[in-house]
C-alpha atoms as a PDB file:
ATOM      1  CA  UNK A   1      95.443 118.249  74.469  1.00  0.00           C
ATOM      2  CA  UNK A   2      97.777 120.932  73.172  1.00  0.00           C
ATOM      3  CA  UNK A   3      96.148 122.407  70.061  1.00  0.00           C
ATOM      4  CA  UNK A   4      99.003 124.789  69.266  1.00  0.00           C
ATOM      5  CA  UNK A   5     101.554 121.942  69.252  1.00  0.00           C
ATOM      6  CA  UNK A   6      99.023 119.450  67.822  1.00  0.00           C
ATOM      7  CA  UNK A   7      99.717 116.941  70.585  1.00  0.00           C
ATOM      8  CA  UNK A   8      97.549 114.692  72.735  1.00  0.00           C
ATOM      9  CA  UNK A   9      99.146 113.644  76.022  1.00  0.00           C
ATOM     10  CA  UNK A  10      97.776 110.569  77.774  1.00  0.00           C
ATOM     11  CA  UNK A  11      98.547 110.381  81.494  1.00  0.00           C
ATOM     12  CA  UNK A  12      97.887 107.283  83.602  1.00  0.00           C
ATOM     13  CA  UNK A  13      97.692 107.731  87.379  1.00  0.00           C
ATOM     14  CA  UNK A  14      98.666 104.652  89.383  1.00  0.00           C
ATOM     15  CA  UNK A  15      95.765 103.270  91.433  1.00  0.00           C
ATOM     16  CA  UNK A  16      98.066 102.244  94.308  1.00  0.00           C
ATOM     17  CA  UNK A  17      99.434 105.762  94.795  1.00  0.00           C
ATOM     18  CA  UNK A  18      99.294 106.514  98.527  1.00  0.00           C
ATOM     19  CA  UNK A  19      97.786 109.927  99.147  1.00  0.00           C
ATOM     20  CA  UNK A  20      96.061 112.088 101.738  1.00  0.00           C
ATOM     21  CA  UNK A  21      92.315 112.507 101.316  1.00  0.00           C
ATOM     22  CA  UNK A  22      91.095 115.595 103.095  1.00  0.00           C
ATOM     23  CA  UNK A  23      87.441 114.662 102.715  1.00  0.00           C
ATOM     24  CA  UNK A  24      88.057 111.651 104.957  1.00  0.00           C
ATOM     25  CA  UNK A  25      91.061 113.019 106.908  1.00  0.00           C
ATOM     26  CA  UNK A  26      93.038 109.875 106.191  1.00  0.00           C
ATOM     27  CA  UNK A  27      95.609 108.350 103.871  1.00  0.00           C
ATOM     28  CA  UNK A  28      94.590 105.739 101.304  1.00  0.00           C
ATOM     29  CA  UNK A  29      95.265 104.477  97.816  1.00  0.00           C
ATOM     30  CA  UNK A  30      94.184 106.755  94.973  1.00  0.00           C
ATOM     31  CA  UNK A  31      91.462 104.361  93.787  1.00  0.00           C
ATOM     32  CA  UNK A  32      89.724 104.839  97.143  1.00  0.00           C
ATOM     33  CA  UNK A  33      89.000 108.459  96.188  1.00  0.00           C
ATOM     34  CA  UNK A  34      86.601 107.362  93.460  1.00  0.00           C
ATOM     35  CA  UNK A  35      85.217 104.416  95.404  1.00  0.00           C
ATOM     36  CA  UNK A  36      84.391 106.546  98.469  1.00  0.00           C
ATOM     37  CA  UNK A  37      83.925 110.040  97.075  1.00  0.00           C
ATOM     38  CA  UNK A  38      82.927 109.535  93.440  1.00  0.00           C
ATOM     39  CA  UNK A  39      84.631 110.712  90.240  1.00  0.00           C
ATOM     40  CA  UNK A  40      84.491 114.397  91.176  1.00  0.00           C
ATOM     41  CA  UNK A  41      86.485 113.721  94.335  1.00  0.00           C
ATOM     42  CA  UNK A  42      88.972 111.604  92.373  1.00  0.00           C
ATOM     43  CA  UNK A  43      89.505 114.601  90.075  1.00  0.00           C
ATOM     44  CA  UNK A  44      89.944 116.877  93.104  1.00  0.00           C
ATOM     45  CA  UNK A  45      92.473 114.507  94.674  1.00  0.00           C
ATOM     46  CA  UNK A  46      94.576 114.300  91.498  1.00  0.00           C
ATOM     47  CA  UNK A  47      94.458 118.077  91.116  1.00  0.00           C
ATOM     48  CA  UNK A  48      95.656 118.530  94.706  1.00  0.00           C
ATOM     49  CA  UNK A  49      98.453 115.970  94.379  1.00  0.00           C
ATOM     50  CA  UNK A  50      99.801 117.088  91.000  1.00  0.00           C
ATOM     51  CA  UNK A  51      98.874 120.800  90.956  1.00  0.00           C
ATOM     52  CA  UNK A  52      97.132 120.609  87.604  1.00  0.00           C
ATOM     53  CA  UNK A  53      93.681 121.591  86.311  1.00  0.00           C
ATOM     54  CA  UNK A  54      91.332 118.884  85.013  1.00  0.00           C
ATOM     55  CA  UNK A  55      88.497 120.242  82.879  1.00  0.00           C
ATOM     56  CA  UNK A  56      86.090 117.313  83.182  1.00  0.00           C
ATOM     57  CA  UNK A  57      85.668 113.588  83.591  1.00  0.00           C
ATOM     58  CA  UNK A  58      84.034 110.693  81.790  1.00  0.00           C
ATOM     59  CA  UNK A  59      83.412 107.563  83.867  1.00  0.00           C
ATOM     60  CA  UNK A  60      82.869 104.218  82.141  1.00  0.00           C
ATOM     61  CA  UNK A  61      81.767 101.053  83.964  1.00  0.00           C
ATOM     62  CA  UNK A  62      82.586  97.558  82.750  1.00  0.00           C
ATOM     63  CA  UNK A  63      79.266  96.954  80.939  1.00  0.00           C
ATOM     64  CA  UNK A  64      79.428 100.324  79.192  1.00  0.00           C
ATOM     65  CA  UNK A  65      83.051  99.704  78.218  1.00  0.00           C
ATOM     66  CA  UNK A  66      82.094  96.478  76.439  1.00  0.00           C
ATOM     67  CA  UNK A  67      79.086  98.056  74.725  1.00  0.00           C
ATOM     68  CA  UNK A  68      80.948 101.133  73.463  1.00  0.00           C
ATOM     69  CA  UNK A  69      83.850  99.059  72.103  1.00  0.00           C
ATOM     70  CA  UNK A  70      81.441  96.738  70.283  1.00  0.00           C
ATOM     71  CA  UNK A  71      79.497  99.680  68.815  1.00  0.00           C
ATOM     72  CA  UNK A  72      82.770 101.048  67.457  1.00  0.00           C
ATOM     73  CA  UNK A  73      83.562  97.694  65.836  1.00  0.00           C
ATOM     74  CA  UNK A  74      86.273  96.669  68.293  1.00  0.00           C
ATOM     75  CA  UNK A  75      89.800  97.943  68.901  1.00  0.00           C
ATOM     76  CA  UNK A  76      93.150  96.933  67.436  1.00  0.00           C
ATOM     77  CA  UNK A  77      96.039  96.467  69.868  1.00  0.00           C
ATOM     78  CA  UNK A  78      99.285  94.517  70.214  1.00  0.00           C
ATOM     79  CA  UNK A  79      98.826  91.455  72.423  1.00  0.00           C
ATOM     80  CA  UNK A  80     102.075  89.779  73.588  1.00  0.00           C
ATOM     81  CA  UNK A  81     101.969  86.002  73.698  1.00  0.00           C
ATOM     82  CA  UNK A  82     102.513  85.921  77.464  1.00  0.00           C
ATOM     83  CA  UNK A  83      99.441  88.125  78.000  1.00  0.00           C
ATOM     84  CA  UNK A  84      97.359  85.978  75.642  1.00  0.00           C
ATOM     85  CA  UNK A  85      98.496  82.828  77.438  1.00  0.00           C
ATOM     86  CA  UNK A  86      97.578  84.314  80.814  1.00  0.00           C
ATOM     87  CA  UNK A  87      94.111  85.300  79.566  1.00  0.00           C
ATOM     88  CA  UNK A  88      93.378  81.980  77.874  1.00  0.00           C
ATOM     89  CA  UNK A  89      91.255  79.636  79.987  1.00  0.00           C
ATOM     90  CA  UNK A  90      88.464  77.084  79.898  1.00  0.00           C
ATOM     91  CA  UNK A  91      85.689  79.655  80.350  1.00  0.00           C
ATOM     92  CA  UNK A  92      86.733  82.083  77.595  1.00  0.00           C
ATOM     93  CA  UNK A  93      88.879  79.889  75.352  1.00  0.00           C
ATOM     94  CA  UNK A  94      92.088  80.949  73.622  1.00  0.00           C
ATOM     95  CA  UNK A  95      92.871  84.655  73.716  1.00  0.00           C
ATOM     96  CA  UNK A  96      94.269  86.039  70.417  1.00  0.00           C
ATOM     97  CA  UNK A  97      97.920  87.098  70.286  1.00  0.00           C
ATOM     98  CA  UNK A  98      99.944  89.171  67.843  1.00  0.00           C
ATOM     99  CA  UNK A  99     100.338  92.679  66.485  1.00  0.00           C
ATOM    100  CA  UNK A 100      97.309  94.790  65.532  1.00  0.00           C
ATOM    101  CA  UNK A 101      94.869  92.188  66.865  1.00  0.00           C
ATOM    102  CA  UNK A 102      91.173  93.069  66.655  1.00  0.00           C
ATOM    103  CA  UNK A 103      89.477  92.660  70.060  1.00  0.00           C
ATOM    104  CA  UNK A 104      85.766  92.846  70.757  1.00  0.00           C
ATOM    105  CA  UNK A 105      84.407  94.628  73.818  1.00  0.00           C
ATOM    106  CA  UNK A 106      84.646  91.686  76.215  1.00  0.00           C
ATOM    107  CA  UNK A 107      88.192  90.860  75.070  1.00  0.00           C
ATOM    108  CA  UNK A 108      89.251  94.518  75.287  1.00  0.00           C
ATOM    109  CA  UNK A 109      87.933  94.703  78.851  1.00  0.00           C
ATOM    110  CA  UNK A 110      89.907  91.633  79.924  1.00  0.00           C
ATOM    111  CA  UNK A 111      93.000  92.992  78.144  1.00  0.00           C
ATOM    112  CA  UNK A 112      92.611  96.333  79.960  1.00  0.00           C
ATOM    113  CA  UNK A 113      91.966  94.860  83.413  1.00  0.00           C
ATOM    114  CA  UNK A 114      94.594  92.127  83.798  1.00  0.00           C
ATOM    115  CA  UNK A 115      97.560  93.161  85.932  1.00  0.00           C
ATOM    116  CA  UNK A 116      99.177  89.890  86.994  1.00  0.00           C
ATOM    117  CA  UNK A 117     100.459  88.695  83.628  1.00  0.00           C
ATOM    118  CA  UNK A 118     103.972  90.035  84.280  1.00  0.00           C
ATOM    119  CA  UNK A 119     106.177  91.389  87.051  1.00  0.00           C
ATOM    120  CA  UNK A 120     105.335  95.025  86.244  1.00  0.00           C
ATOM    121  CA  UNK A 121     101.730  94.578  87.338  1.00  0.00           C
ATOM    122  CA  UNK A 122      99.756  97.817  87.175  1.00  0.00           C
ATOM    123  CA  UNK A 123     102.487  99.606  85.203  1.00  0.00           C
ATOM    124  CA  UNK A 124     101.908  97.185  82.321  1.00  0.00           C
ATOM    125  CA  UNK A 125      98.155  97.384  82.772  1.00  0.00           C
ATOM    126  CA  UNK A 126      97.922 101.159  82.395  1.00  0.00           C
ATOM    127  CA  UNK A 127     100.111 100.881  79.276  1.00  0.00           C
ATOM    128  CA  UNK A 128      97.583  98.410  77.820  1.00  0.00           C
ATOM    129  CA  UNK A 129      94.739 100.771  78.716  1.00  0.00           C
ATOM    130  CA  UNK A 130      96.476 103.537  76.769  1.00  0.00           C
ATOM    131  CA  UNK A 131      96.773 101.172  73.809  1.00  0.00           C
ATOM    132  CA  UNK A 132      92.994 100.841  73.805  1.00  0.00           C
ATOM    133  CA  UNK A 133      92.523 104.619  73.963  1.00  0.00           C
ATOM    134  CA  UNK A 134      95.046 105.106  71.154  1.00  0.00           C
ATOM    135  CA  UNK A 135      93.134 102.611  69.050  1.00  0.00           C
ATOM    136  CA  UNK A 136      89.856 104.426  69.665  1.00  0.00           C
ATOM    137  CA  UNK A 137      91.427 107.707  68.582  1.00  0.00           C
ATOM    138  CA  UNK A 138      92.773 106.049  65.432  1.00  0.00           C
ATOM    139  CA  UNK A 139      89.280 104.803  64.602  1.00  0.00           C
ATOM    140  CA  UNK A 140      88.178 108.442  64.364  1.00  0.00           C
ATOM    141  CA  UNK A 141      90.633 109.244  61.577  1.00  0.00           C
ATOM    142  CA  UNK A 142      88.701 110.045  58.415  1.00  0.00           C
ATOM    143  CA  UNK A 143      85.328 109.947  60.194  1.00  0.00           C
ATOM    144  CA  UNK A 144      82.727 112.529  59.220  1.00  0.00           C
ATOM    145  CA  UNK A 145      81.038 114.817  61.731  1.00  0.00           C
ATOM    146  CA  UNK A 146      77.743 112.928  61.356  1.00  0.00           C
ATOM    147  CA  UNK A 147      79.514 109.625  62.060  1.00  0.00           C
ATOM    148  CA  UNK A 148      81.219 111.023  65.165  1.00  0.00           C
ATOM    149  CA  UNK A 149      77.953 112.582  66.380  1.00  0.00           C
ATOM    150  CA  UNK A 150      76.212 109.215  66.012  1.00  0.00           C
ATOM    151  CA  UNK A 151      78.954 107.539  68.054  1.00  0.00           C
ATOM    152  CA  UNK A 152      78.808 110.356  70.628  1.00  0.00           C
ATOM    153  CA  UNK A 153      75.090 109.713  71.144  1.00  0.00           C
ATOM    154  CA  UNK A 154      75.799 106.054  71.921  1.00  0.00           C
ATOM    155  CA  UNK A 155      78.694 106.885  74.225  1.00  0.00           C
ATOM    156  CA  UNK A 156      76.780 109.577  76.124  1.00  0.00           C
ATOM    157  CA  UNK A 157      74.004 107.083  76.844  1.00  0.00           C
ATOM    158  CA  UNK A 158      76.504 104.701  78.409  1.00  0.00           C
ATOM    159  CA  UNK A 159      78.833 106.863  80.487  1.00  0.00           C
ATOM    160  CA  UNK A 160      78.759 109.190  83.479  1.00  0.00           C
ATOM    161  CA  UNK A 161      80.247 112.631  82.850  1.00  0.00           C
ATOM    162  CA  UNK A 162      80.168 116.223  84.082  1.00  0.00           C
ATOM    163  CA  UNK A 163      80.725 117.522  80.540  1.00  0.00           C
ATOM    164  CA  UNK A 164      77.528 118.728  78.872  1.00  0.00           C
ATOM    165  CA  UNK A 165      76.226 117.126  75.694  1.00  0.00           C
ATOM    166  CA  UNK A 166      76.506 120.514  73.989  1.00  0.00           C
ATOM    167  CA  UNK A 167      80.196 120.757  74.915  1.00  0.00           C
ATOM    168  CA  UNK A 168      80.923 117.209  73.757  1.00  0.00           C
ATOM    169  CA  UNK A 169      79.260 117.800  70.378  1.00  0.00           C
ATOM    170  CA  UNK A 170      81.256 121.023  70.077  1.00  0.00           C
ATOM    171  CA  UNK A 171      84.453 119.057  70.749  1.00  0.00           C
ATOM    172  CA  UNK A 172      83.382 116.520  68.118  1.00  0.00           C
ATOM    173  CA  UNK A 173      82.963 119.263  65.514  1.00  0.00           C
ATOM    174  CA  UNK A 174      86.380 120.734  66.323  1.00  0.00           C
ATOM    175  CA  UNK A 175      87.937 117.267  66.262  1.00  0.00           C
ATOM    176  CA  UNK A 176      86.802 116.822  62.664  1.00  0.00           C
ATOM    177  CA  UNK A 177      87.588 120.315  61.387  1.00  0.00           C
ATOM    178  CA  UNK A 178      90.978 120.547  63.135  1.00  0.00           C
ATOM    179  CA  UNK A 179      92.031 116.913  62.646  1.00  0.00           C
ATOM    180  CA  UNK A 180      92.547 116.063  66.318  1.00  0.00           C
ATOM    181  CA  UNK A 181      92.764 112.331  65.521  1.00  0.00           C
ATOM    182  CA  UNK A 182      95.951 113.066  63.564  1.00  0.00           C
ATOM    183  CA  UNK A 183      97.696 114.822  66.464  1.00  0.00           C
ATOM    184  CA  UNK A 184     100.872 113.241  67.835  1.00  0.00           C
ATOM    185  CA  UNK A 185     100.138 111.167  70.941  1.00  0.00           C
ATOM    186  CA  UNK A 186     102.608 110.976  73.822  1.00  0.00           C
ATOM    187  CA  UNK A 187     102.185 108.907  76.977  1.00  0.00           C
ATOM    188  CA  UNK A 188     103.312 109.169  80.586  1.00  0.00           C
ATOM    189  CA  UNK A 189     102.644 107.224  83.786  1.00  0.00           C
ATOM    190  CA  UNK A 190     102.419 109.145  87.051  1.00  0.00           C
ATOM    191  CA  UNK A 191     104.172 108.940  89.360  1.00  0.00           C
ATOM    192  CA  UNK A 192     107.259 108.394  87.220  1.00  0.00           C
ATOM    193  CA  UNK A 193     109.861 105.748  88.041  1.00  0.00           C
ATOM    194  CA  UNK A 194     112.144 108.247  89.805  1.00  0.00           C
ATOM    195  CA  UNK A 195     109.352 109.674  91.988  1.00  0.00           C
ATOM    196  CA  UNK A 196     107.908 106.407  93.329  1.00  0.00           C
ATOM    197  CA  UNK A 197     109.013 103.485  95.474  1.00  0.00           C
ATOM    198  CA  UNK A 198     107.027 100.390  96.487  1.00  0.00           C
ATOM    199  CA  UNK A 199     106.152  99.759 100.126  1.00  0.00           C
ATOM    200  CA  UNK A 200     104.170  97.050 101.835  1.00  0.00           C
ATOM    201  CA  UNK A 201     103.005  96.561 105.415  1.00  0.00           C
ATOM    202  CA  UNK A 202     100.087  95.065 107.273  1.00  0.00           C
ATOM    203  CA  UNK A 203      98.634  98.552 107.805  1.00  0.00           C
ATOM    204  CA  UNK A 204      98.896  99.861 104.227  1.00  0.00           C
ATOM    205  CA  UNK A 205      99.060  96.701 102.071  1.00  0.00           C
ATOM    206  CA  UNK A 206     101.013  97.279  98.819  1.00  0.00           C
ATOM    207  CA  UNK A 207     101.366 100.970  97.915  1.00  0.00           C
ATOM    208  CA  UNK A 208     103.482 103.467  96.002  1.00  0.00           C
ATOM    209  CA  UNK A 209     105.260 105.987  98.240  1.00  0.00           C
ATOM    210  CA  UNK A 210     105.569 109.156  96.166  1.00  0.00           C
ATOM    211  CA  UNK A 211     107.626 112.317  96.036  1.00  0.00           C
ATOM    212  CA  UNK A 212     104.590 114.405  95.066  1.00  0.00           C
ATOM    213  CA  UNK A 213     106.309 117.812  94.683  1.00  0.00           C
ATOM    214  CA  UNK A 214     108.795 116.376  92.164  1.00  0.00           C
ATOM    215  CA  UNK A 215     106.105 114.328  90.416  1.00  0.00           C
ATOM    216  CA  UNK A 216     103.859 117.395  90.169  1.00  0.00           C
ATOM    217  CA  UNK A 217     106.702 119.464  88.758  1.00  0.00           C
ATOM    218  CA  UNK A 218     107.400 116.791  86.134  1.00  0.00           C
ATOM    219  CA  UNK A 219     103.747 116.548  85.115  1.00  0.00           C
ATOM    220  CA  UNK A 220     103.323 120.310  84.844  1.00  0.00           C
ATOM    221  CA  UNK A 221     106.352 120.453  82.552  1.00  0.00           C
ATOM    222  CA  UNK A 222     104.970 117.592  80.470  1.00  0.00           C
ATOM    223  CA  UNK A 223     101.507 119.100  80.094  1.00  0.00           C
ATOM    224  CA  UNK A 224     102.175 122.830  80.063  1.00  0.00           C
ATOM    225  CA  UNK A 225     105.846 123.171  79.145  1.00  0.00           C
ATOM    226  CA  UNK A 226     106.395 125.171  82.346  1.00  0.00           C
ATOM    227  CA  UNK A 227     105.971 124.814  86.099  1.00  0.00           C
ATOM    228  CA  UNK A 228     105.229 127.019  89.110  1.00  0.00           C
ATOM    229  CA  UNK A 229     106.764 124.505  91.529  1.00  0.00           C
ATOM    230  CA  UNK A 230     110.190 125.354  92.954  1.00  0.00           C
ATOM    231  CA  UNK A 231     112.076 122.645  94.816  1.00  0.00           C
ATOM    232  CA  UNK A 232     114.780 123.342  97.369  1.00  0.00           C
ATOM    233  CA  UNK A 233     118.073 121.633  96.620  1.00  0.00           C
ATOM    234  CA  UNK A 234     118.380 119.869  99.986  1.00  0.00           C
ATOM    235  CA  UNK A 235     114.698 119.299 100.662  1.00  0.00           C
ATOM    236  CA  UNK A 236     113.348 116.167 102.333  1.00  0.00           C
ATOM    237  CA  UNK A 237     110.759 114.147 100.442  1.00  0.00           C
ATOM    238  CA  UNK A 238     108.659 111.103 101.332  1.00  0.00           C
ATOM    239  CA  UNK A 239     111.273 108.997  99.550  1.00  0.00           C
ATOM    240  CA  UNK A 240     114.055 110.594 101.584  1.00  0.00           C
ATOM    241  CA  UNK A 241     112.270 109.799 104.822  1.00  0.00           C
ATOM    242  CA  UNK A 242     111.364 106.240 103.819  1.00  0.00           C
ATOM    243  CA  UNK A 243     114.425 105.198 101.842  1.00  0.00           C
ATOM    244  CA  UNK A 244     117.142 107.736 102.576  1.00  0.00           C
ATOM    245  CA  UNK A 245     117.315 109.116  99.045  1.00  0.00           C
END
């Protein structure tokens, strides 16, 4: 969040990003960092790959996700017909489609998790996840401090975080007084299209091969408006080695 520019920047990191994990002295997909080392190690891995500083984390499991969404009265998102058709089945019935559709917690979880409804797979999924987050931010517009504190109490009881309750309540107060919910929201997926290429083999399964120095430079510029990463003109990257570019 850039308070001086009044901007919130949402960054999605692709779960299939292939990366080195020093804690295990091996290469694996990014989602393995959290599965094997916990959220703190996931944060450390992202910081190492992208040369950024992450101030804290909030981890939400599936049950907590549903509960928090329901407590907030649901979320409004755009649901394309092809996604609704994919999610409609005998067990759950017809999934709603259209613009500004109100989803309950269970529906929002299914909407956020599905990644096989189109050819873009996880790229489309992380975009849907950002829709949900955008909707939650919009729900805070016009809320009073007491209302946000009440919601914070519910959320804190249902998530895992390394941010103290005192700090979160302080953020809530600033969010109300400074109008954070009205900040302009921009979105980015990392790695970007020009810093990633798909690769599949029996040893690695399906992964993203990434030019991390270039991706890190791009993300620093996006978040901070400047970068400390200098790239040589004729350097060799992972993409150069794998694909000759």
